[in-house]
Amino acid sequence: MALRCKLFGHKADRGGARHDGQDYWTGCVRCGTRLIRDTDGWRVPTEREITEHDVNRAEQRLEPVPERLT
């Protein structure tokens, strides 16, 4: 995590945000941390949300679910 993120919080790459069918996702422009859109703004997702997102993406692309997620 970048020092600026520790001091001021993450800065979402709003132009790079994508909807996965449930939520909007993007990365921090300073450090690359994955972020999810919440009613109060962008935040770091929980492990459960990351897993659900990865499974949704795999299903949308008709790809096998990564072994670490099964």
Protein backbone atom coordinates (compact mmCIF):
# COMPACT_ATOMS: atom_id res chain seq x y z
CA MET A 1 0.00 0.00 0.00
CA ALA A 2 1.32 3.42 -0.94
CA LEU A 3 2.13 5.90 1.81
CA ARG A 4 -0.43 8.34 0.41
CA CYS A 5 -3.11 5.63 0.69
CA LYS A 6 -2.20 5.06 4.33
CA LEU A 7 -2.43 8.78 5.03
CA PHE A 8 -5.37 9.83 2.86
CA GLY A 9 -7.13 6.61 1.84
CA HIS A 10 -7.34 4.89 -1.53
CA LYS A 11 -8.15 6.80 -4.71
CA ALA A 12 -10.49 4.83 -6.96
CA ASP A 13 -9.85 4.66 -10.71
CA ARG A 14 -13.41 5.66 -11.54
CA GLY A 15 -12.79 5.54 -15.29
CA GLY A 16 -11.67 1.94 -14.99
CA ALA A 17 -14.63 0.77 -12.90
CA ARG A 18 -16.53 -2.27 -14.16
CA HIS A 19 -19.84 -3.80 -13.09
CA ASP A 20 -19.82 -7.54 -12.47
CA GLY A 21 -23.59 -7.95 -12.36
CA GLN A 22 -23.74 -7.17 -8.65
CA ASP A 23 -21.24 -4.45 -7.78
CA TYR A 24 -18.84 -1.95 -9.31
CA TRP A 25 -15.15 -2.83 -9.01
CA THR A 26 -11.96 -0.93 -9.74
CA GLY A 27 -8.45 -0.48 -8.43
CA CYS A 28 -6.69 2.25 -6.51
CA VAL A 29 -4.74 4.50 -8.90
CA ARG A 30 -1.91 4.86 -6.38
CA CYS A 31 -1.34 1.30 -5.15
CA GLY A 32 -3.54 -1.02 -7.24
CA THR A 33 -5.60 -2.38 -4.33
CA ARG A 34 -8.95 -3.79 -5.45
CA LEU A 35 -11.90 -1.60 -4.47
CA ILE A 36 -15.66 -2.16 -4.44
CA ARG A 37 -18.34 0.53 -4.63
CA ASP A 38 -20.48 0.83 -1.50
CA THR A 39 -23.32 3.20 -0.61
CA ASP A 40 -20.79 5.36 1.25
CA GLY A 41 -18.13 5.29 -1.49
CA TRP A 42 -15.26 3.03 -2.51
CA ARG A 43 -13.78 0.60 0.01
CA VAL A 44 -11.54 -2.46 0.21
CA PRO A 45 -13.70 -5.58 -0.26
CA THR A 46 -13.89 -8.47 2.18
CA GLU A 47 -12.38 -11.84 1.28
CA ARG A 48 -15.91 -13.19 0.78
CA GLU A 49 -16.75 -10.40 -1.68
CA ILE A 50 -13.54 -11.03 -3.62
CA THR A 51 -14.31 -14.75 -3.84
CA GLU A 52 -17.89 -14.10 -5.01
CA HIS A 53 -16.61 -11.60 -7.58
CA ASP A 54 -14.05 -14.04 -8.94
CA VAL A 55 -16.67 -16.80 -9.18
CA ASN A 56 -19.13 -14.46 -10.94
CA ARG A 57 -16.46 -13.41 -13.45
CA ALA A 58 -15.53 -17.01 -14.16
CA GLU A 59 -19.19 -17.96 -14.67
CA GLN A 60 -19.81 -14.98 -16.96
CA ARG A 61 -16.85 -15.99 -19.12
CA LEU A 62 -17.76 -19.67 -18.90
CA GLU A 63 -14.34 -20.33 -17.49
CA PRO A 64 -13.58 -22.94 -14.89
CA VAL A 65 -13.62 -21.56 -11.36
CA PRO A 66 -10.05 -21.16 -10.09
CA GLU A 67 -9.06 -24.09 -7.89
CA ARG A 68 -8.40 -21.81 -4.90
CA LEU A 69 -12.09 -20.78 -4.93
CA THR A 70 -13.69 -24.22 -4.87
